[in-house]
Amino acid sequence: MDTTPAVDPADTPDTPGAQLTLYTSAFCEPCMQTRAVLAEAARLAPRIRVTELDVARNLERAESDGIRSTPTVIVAAPDGSEVFRAEGVPTLAQVLAAAARAL
């Protein structure tokens, strides 16, 4: 009898996940709220990867991503295509639904 435990593909580190990019700026209160929402989403769904970028330090990338205000969250599929964008503080439900679409 095989006693090898079944491995859920979602639990493997090589499984692609949803990439969330949070654009922030200094002294941005809504940015702090958004960080908390994204941290909770990543806790609930380990395949979510969050990258935070300060707009002032990443001006070229922010411009190329069309960032007009902070916070802005962009959810991308593993192939890099954008599936969701939120300007302002998104809800946890919005983030989780967007991450599910990205997978």
N, C-alpha and C. Protein backbone atom coordinates (compact mmCIF):
# COMPACT_ATOMS: atom_id res chain seq x y z
N MET A 1 0.85 -1.18 0.00
CA MET A 1 0.00 0.00 0.00
C MET A 1 0.90 1.25 0.00
N ASP A 2 0.57 2.21 -0.83
CA ASP A 2 1.33 3.44 -0.93
C ASP A 2 0.94 4.36 0.23
N THR A 3 1.94 4.80 1.00
CA THR A 3 1.67 5.69 2.14
C THR A 3 2.13 7.10 1.87
N THR A 4 2.46 7.41 0.62
CA THR A 4 2.87 8.75 0.25
C THR A 4 1.68 9.68 0.37
N PRO A 5 1.81 10.79 1.13
CA PRO A 5 0.68 11.69 1.27
C PRO A 5 0.35 12.38 -0.05
N ALA A 6 -0.92 12.58 -0.28
CA ALA A 6 -1.35 13.32 -1.47
C ALA A 6 -0.91 14.77 -1.33
N VAL A 7 -0.46 15.34 -2.43
CA VAL A 7 -0.01 16.73 -2.41
C VAL A 7 -1.00 17.56 -3.21
N ASP A 8 -1.52 18.56 -2.56
CA ASP A 8 -2.42 19.49 -3.23
C ASP A 8 -1.57 20.44 -4.06
N PRO A 9 -1.80 20.55 -5.38
CA PRO A 9 -0.99 21.44 -6.21
C PRO A 9 -0.97 22.88 -5.70
N ALA A 10 -2.02 23.31 -5.01
CA ALA A 10 -2.06 24.67 -4.49
C ALA A 10 -1.06 24.87 -3.36
N ASP A 11 -0.58 23.77 -2.76
CA ASP A 11 0.36 23.87 -1.66
C ASP A 11 1.81 23.84 -2.10
N THR A 12 2.07 23.65 -3.38
CA THR A 12 3.44 23.56 -3.83
C THR A 12 3.97 24.95 -4.16
N PRO A 13 5.25 25.20 -3.82
CA PRO A 13 5.80 26.53 -4.03
C PRO A 13 5.92 26.91 -5.50
N ASP A 14 5.94 25.93 -6.42
CA ASP A 14 6.09 26.24 -7.84
C ASP A 14 4.76 26.59 -8.51
N THR A 15 3.66 26.46 -7.78
CA THR A 15 2.35 26.77 -8.35
C THR A 15 2.23 28.27 -8.53
N PRO A 16 1.94 28.74 -9.74
CA PRO A 16 1.79 30.18 -9.95
C PRO A 16 0.65 30.73 -9.11
N GLY A 17 0.80 31.96 -8.70
CA GLY A 17 -0.22 32.59 -7.90
C GLY A 17 -0.65 33.90 -8.50
N ALA A 18 -1.55 34.55 -7.79
CA ALA A 18 -1.99 35.88 -8.20
C ALA A 18 -0.99 36.90 -7.68
N GLN A 19 -0.58 37.82 -8.54
CA GLN A 19 0.36 38.86 -8.15
C GLN A 19 -0.40 40.15 -7.92
N LEU A 20 -0.31 40.69 -6.71
CA LEU A 20 -0.95 41.95 -6.36
C LEU A 20 0.13 43.00 -6.19
N THR A 21 -0.02 44.11 -6.87
CA THR A 21 0.91 45.22 -6.72
C THR A 21 0.16 46.37 -6.07
N LEU A 22 0.71 46.84 -4.95
CA LEU A 22 0.13 47.96 -4.22
C LEU A 22 1.02 49.17 -4.43
N TYR A 23 0.47 50.21 -5.03
CA TYR A 23 1.19 51.48 -5.18
C TYR A 23 0.79 52.38 -4.02
N THR A 24 1.82 52.90 -3.32
CA THR A 24 1.59 53.72 -2.14
C THR A 24 2.36 55.03 -2.25
N SER A 25 2.11 55.90 -1.28
CA SER A 25 2.88 57.13 -1.13
C SER A 25 3.02 57.41 0.36
N ALA A 26 3.99 58.23 0.69
CA ALA A 26 4.26 58.56 2.09
C ALA A 26 3.06 59.26 2.72
N PHE A 27 2.83 58.96 3.98
CA PHE A 27 1.78 59.59 4.78
C PHE A 27 0.38 59.37 4.20
N CYS A 28 0.17 58.24 3.61
CA CYS A 28 -1.11 57.91 2.98
C CYS A 28 -1.89 57.00 3.93
N GLU A 29 -2.87 57.55 4.61
CA GLU A 29 -3.67 56.76 5.55
C GLU A 29 -4.43 55.62 4.84
N PRO A 30 -5.07 55.87 3.70
CA PRO A 30 -5.73 54.77 3.00
C PRO A 30 -4.75 53.67 2.58
N CYS A 31 -3.48 54.02 2.36
CA CYS A 31 -2.48 53.01 2.00
C CYS A 31 -2.29 52.03 3.15
N MET A 32 -2.30 52.54 4.38
CA MET A 32 -2.16 51.67 5.55
C MET A 32 -3.36 50.72 5.65
N GLN A 33 -4.54 51.22 5.38
CA GLN A 33 -5.74 50.39 5.41
C GLN A 33 -5.66 49.31 4.32
N THR A 34 -5.18 49.69 3.15
CA THR A 34 -5.06 48.75 2.04
C THR A 34 -4.04 47.66 2.35
N ARG A 35 -2.92 48.05 3.00
CA ARG A 35 -1.92 47.06 3.41
C ARG A 35 -2.56 45.99 4.29
N ALA A 36 -3.41 46.42 5.22
CA ALA A 36 -4.07 45.47 6.12
C ALA A 36 -5.00 44.53 5.35
N VAL A 37 -5.75 45.06 4.39
CA VAL A 37 -6.65 44.24 3.56
C VAL A 37 -5.84 43.21 2.79
N LEU A 38 -4.74 43.64 2.17
CA LEU A 38 -3.93 42.73 1.36
C LEU A 38 -3.22 41.69 2.22
N ALA A 39 -2.81 42.08 3.42
CA ALA A 39 -2.18 41.12 4.33
C ALA A 39 -3.17 40.03 4.72
N GLU A 40 -4.40 40.42 4.98
CA GLU A 40 -5.42 39.43 5.34
C GLU A 40 -5.73 38.53 4.15
N ALA A 41 -5.79 39.09 2.95
CA ALA A 41 -6.04 38.29 1.76
C ALA A 41 -4.91 37.27 1.57
N ALA A 42 -3.66 37.69 1.75
CA ALA A 42 -2.53 36.78 1.60
C ALA A 42 -2.53 35.71 2.68
N ARG A 43 -3.01 36.06 3.87
CA ARG A 43 -3.10 35.07 4.94
C ARG A 43 -4.14 34.01 4.60
N LEU A 44 -5.26 34.45 4.04
CA LEU A 44 -6.34 33.52 3.70
C LEU A 44 -6.04 32.70 2.44
N ALA A 45 -5.30 33.27 1.53
CA ALA A 45 -5.00 32.61 0.25
C ALA A 45 -3.50 32.68 0.00
N PRO A 46 -2.76 31.68 0.43
CA PRO A 46 -1.29 31.72 0.34
C PRO A 46 -0.72 31.87 -1.06
N ARG A 47 -1.53 31.65 -2.09
CA ARG A 47 -1.03 31.82 -3.47
C ARG A 47 -1.04 33.28 -3.91
N ILE A 48 -1.45 34.17 -3.04
CA ILE A 48 -1.41 35.61 -3.33
C ILE A 48 -0.04 36.14 -2.97
N ARG A 49 0.59 36.83 -3.90
CA ARG A 49 1.88 37.48 -3.67
C ARG A 49 1.67 38.99 -3.78
N VAL A 50 2.11 39.72 -2.76
CA VAL A 50 1.92 41.17 -2.72
C VAL A 50 3.27 41.86 -2.85
N THR A 51 3.34 42.82 -3.75
CA THR A 51 4.51 43.68 -3.91
C THR A 51 4.05 45.11 -3.67
N GLU A 52 4.73 45.81 -2.79
CA GLU A 52 4.39 47.21 -2.53
C GLU A 52 5.44 48.10 -3.16
N LEU A 53 4.97 49.09 -3.89
CA LEU A 53 5.87 50.04 -4.55
C LEU A 53 5.48 51.46 -4.18
N ASP A 54 6.45 52.23 -3.70
CA ASP A 54 6.24 53.64 -3.43
C ASP A 54 6.30 54.38 -4.77
N VAL A 55 5.29 55.16 -5.05
CA VAL A 55 5.20 55.85 -6.34
C VAL A 55 6.42 56.76 -6.57
N ALA A 56 6.85 57.48 -5.55
CA ALA A 56 7.97 58.41 -5.71
C ALA A 56 9.27 57.67 -6.04
N ARG A 57 9.44 56.48 -5.53
CA ARG A 57 10.67 55.72 -5.77
C ARG A 57 10.58 54.84 -7.02
N ASN A 58 9.39 54.68 -7.55
CA ASN A 58 9.17 53.83 -8.73
C ASN A 58 8.35 54.58 -9.77
N LEU A 59 8.74 55.81 -10.03
CA LEU A 59 7.97 56.71 -10.88
C LEU A 59 7.75 56.16 -12.28
N GLU A 60 8.79 55.62 -12.91
CA GLU A 60 8.64 55.11 -14.28
C GLU A 60 7.63 53.96 -14.35
N ARG A 61 7.74 53.03 -13.39
CA ARG A 61 6.81 51.90 -13.40
C ARG A 61 5.39 52.39 -13.10
N ALA A 62 5.26 53.31 -12.14
CA ALA A 62 3.94 53.84 -11.81
C ALA A 62 3.33 54.52 -13.04
N GLU A 63 4.11 55.27 -13.76
CA GLU A 63 3.61 55.93 -14.97
C GLU A 63 3.22 54.90 -16.01
N SER A 64 4.03 53.87 -16.20
CA SER A 64 3.72 52.87 -17.21
C SER A 64 2.47 52.06 -16.83
N ASP A 65 2.20 51.92 -15.53
CA ASP A 65 1.00 51.23 -15.06
C ASP A 65 -0.21 52.16 -14.96
N GLY A 66 -0.02 53.44 -15.30
CA GLY A 66 -1.15 54.38 -15.31
C GLY A 66 -1.66 54.72 -13.92
N ILE A 67 -0.77 54.82 -12.95
CA ILE A 67 -1.18 55.13 -11.58
C ILE A 67 -1.49 56.62 -11.47
N ARG A 68 -2.73 56.92 -11.03
CA ARG A 68 -3.17 58.31 -10.89
C ARG A 68 -3.36 58.73 -9.44
N SER A 69 -3.51 57.73 -8.54
CA SER A 69 -3.70 58.05 -7.13
C SER A 69 -3.23 56.88 -6.29
N THR A 70 -3.04 57.15 -5.00
CA THR A 70 -2.67 56.08 -4.08
C THR A 70 -3.71 56.01 -2.98
N PRO A 71 -3.98 54.82 -2.51
CA PRO A 71 -3.43 53.56 -2.96
C PRO A 71 -4.10 53.09 -4.25
N THR A 72 -3.35 52.37 -5.04
CA THR A 72 -3.89 51.65 -6.19
C THR A 72 -3.38 50.23 -6.11
N VAL A 73 -4.30 49.28 -6.28
CA VAL A 73 -3.95 47.87 -6.28
C VAL A 73 -4.22 47.32 -7.67
N ILE A 74 -3.23 46.62 -8.21
CA ILE A 74 -3.38 45.93 -9.49
C ILE A 74 -3.21 44.45 -9.23
N VAL A 75 -4.17 43.66 -9.70
CA VAL A 75 -4.09 42.21 -9.58
C VAL A 75 -3.80 41.66 -10.96
N ALA A 76 -2.74 40.85 -11.03
CA ALA A 76 -2.32 40.29 -12.31
C ALA A 76 -2.31 38.77 -12.25
N ALA A 77 -2.64 38.16 -13.36
CA ALA A 77 -2.56 36.71 -13.52
C ALA A 77 -1.09 36.32 -13.64
N PRO A 78 -0.78 35.03 -13.53
CA PRO A 78 0.61 34.60 -13.66
C PRO A 78 1.28 35.03 -14.97
N ASP A 79 0.50 35.22 -16.04
CA ASP A 79 1.09 35.66 -17.31
C ASP A 79 1.31 37.17 -17.37
N GLY A 80 0.96 37.88 -16.28
CA GLY A 80 1.17 39.31 -16.22
C GLY A 80 -0.02 40.15 -16.64
N SER A 81 -1.07 39.54 -17.16
CA SER A 81 -2.23 40.31 -17.60
C SER A 81 -3.01 40.84 -16.40
N GLU A 82 -3.42 42.09 -16.49
CA GLU A 82 -4.18 42.73 -15.41
C GLU A 82 -5.62 42.21 -15.42
N VAL A 83 -6.09 41.77 -14.25
CA VAL A 83 -7.47 41.28 -14.15
C VAL A 83 -8.33 42.17 -13.26
N PHE A 84 -7.69 43.07 -12.49
CA PHE A 84 -8.44 43.92 -11.56
C PHE A 84 -7.58 45.10 -11.18
N ARG A 85 -8.25 46.24 -10.99
CA ARG A 85 -7.57 47.45 -10.51
C ARG A 85 -8.51 48.16 -9.55
N ALA A 86 -7.96 48.57 -8.41
CA ALA A 86 -8.74 49.33 -7.44
C ALA A 86 -7.97 50.59 -7.07
N GLU A 87 -8.61 51.73 -7.25
CA GLU A 87 -8.05 52.99 -6.78
C GLU A 87 -8.78 53.31 -5.49
N GLY A 88 -8.03 53.44 -4.39
CA GLY A 88 -8.66 53.57 -3.08
C GLY A 88 -8.57 52.23 -2.37
N VAL A 89 -9.22 52.14 -1.23
CA VAL A 89 -9.13 50.94 -0.41
C VAL A 89 -10.13 49.89 -0.90
N PRO A 90 -9.64 48.75 -1.41
CA PRO A 90 -10.56 47.70 -1.84
C PRO A 90 -11.06 46.91 -0.62
N THR A 91 -12.17 46.24 -0.79
CA THR A 91 -12.65 45.36 0.28
C THR A 91 -11.92 44.02 0.17
N LEU A 92 -11.93 43.28 1.26
CA LEU A 92 -11.32 41.96 1.25
C LEU A 92 -12.01 41.07 0.21
N ALA A 93 -13.33 41.17 0.12
CA ALA A 93 -14.07 40.36 -0.86
C ALA A 93 -13.64 40.69 -2.29
N GLN A 94 -13.43 41.97 -2.59
CA GLN A 94 -12.98 42.36 -3.93
C GLN A 94 -11.61 41.76 -4.24
N VAL A 95 -10.71 41.83 -3.28
CA VAL A 95 -9.35 41.32 -3.49
C VAL A 95 -9.36 39.81 -3.69
N LEU A 96 -10.11 39.10 -2.85
CA LEU A 96 -10.16 37.65 -2.98
C LEU A 96 -10.81 37.22 -4.30
N ALA A 97 -11.88 37.91 -4.71
CA ALA A 97 -12.53 37.58 -5.97
C ALA A 97 -11.59 37.86 -7.15
N ALA A 98 -10.85 38.97 -7.09
CA ALA A 98 -9.91 39.29 -8.16
C ALA A 98 -8.77 38.29 -8.20
N ALA A 99 -8.28 37.88 -7.04
CA ALA A 99 -7.20 36.89 -6.99
C ALA A 99 -7.69 35.56 -7.58
N ALA A 100 -8.92 35.20 -7.28
CA ALA A 100 -9.48 33.95 -7.84
C ALA A 100 -9.56 34.04 -9.36
N ARG A 101 -9.95 35.20 -9.90
CA ARG A 101 -9.98 35.38 -11.36
C ARG A 101 -8.59 35.29 -11.96
N ALA A 102 -7.60 35.75 -11.20
CA ALA A 102 -6.22 35.76 -11.71
C ALA A 102 -5.63 34.35 -11.77
N LEU A 103 -6.17 33.46 -10.97
CA LEU A 103 -5.63 32.10 -10.95
C LEU A 103 -6.28 31.30 -12.04
